[in-house]
Protein backbone atom coordinates (compact mmCIF):
# COMPACT_ATOMS: atom_id res chain seq x y z
CA UNK A 1 87.17 85.04 83.31
CA UNK A 2 88.22 87.81 80.63
CA UNK A 3 87.65 85.44 77.64
CA UNK A 4 89.47 85.40 74.67
CA UNK A 5 89.07 89.22 74.55
CA UNK A 6 90.81 90.37 77.77
CA UNK A 7 94.46 90.34 78.83
CA UNK A 8 95.92 90.61 81.95
CA UNK A 9 99.39 91.90 83.30
CA UNK A 10 100.83 91.70 86.58
CA UNK A 11 104.26 93.14 86.87
CA UNK A 12 106.54 94.52 89.81
CA UNK A 13 107.95 98.07 89.39
CA UNK A 14 111.75 98.31 88.88
CA UNK A 15 111.96 101.32 90.71
CA UNK A 16 109.52 101.22 93.81
CA UNK A 17 107.74 98.71 96.09
CA UNK A 18 104.82 98.26 93.70
CA UNK A 19 103.19 95.50 92.04
CA UNK A 20 101.07 96.74 89.02
CA UNK A 21 97.62 94.85 88.17
CA UNK A 22 96.40 95.77 84.65
CA UNK A 23 93.55 94.36 83.02
CA UNK A 24 91.51 94.79 79.90
CA UNK A 25 88.45 93.50 77.97
CA UNK A 26 84.97 94.63 76.77
CA UNK A 27 83.17 94.54 80.57
CA UNK A 28 84.40 97.17 82.67
CA UNK A 29 82.72 95.75 85.76
CA UNK A 30 84.37 91.93 85.18
CA UNK A 31 87.68 93.75 84.82
CA UNK A 32 87.26 95.74 87.79
CA UNK A 33 86.61 92.74 89.96
CA UNK A 34 89.20 90.38 88.07
CA UNK A 35 91.66 93.01 89.14
CA UNK A 36 90.56 93.34 92.81
CA UNK A 37 90.43 89.72 93.19
CA UNK A 38 94.31 89.36 91.82
CA UNK A 39 95.21 92.58 94.02
CA UNK A 40 93.58 90.81 97.06
CA UNK A 41 95.39 87.73 96.39
CA UNK A 42 98.86 89.48 95.96
CA UNK A 43 98.36 91.70 99.30
CA UNK A 44 97.75 88.27 101.36
CA UNK A 45 100.50 86.47 99.71
CA UNK A 46 102.92 89.51 100.48
CA UNK A 47 101.02 89.94 103.91
CA UNK A 48 100.46 93.66 103.26
CA UNK A 49 97.23 95.95 104.68
CA UNK A 50 94.89 96.52 102.27
């Protein structure tokens, strides 16, 4: 979705029970949509409420 000019980083925190989802690209709306989609998928897989 982000094309060749974007990137995504998903990582677990080493010190707290948190998974960070970070993305960057030229289109801010696309970045926000992509991060929210990934976060929803992670929450569903981990069975964590939104």
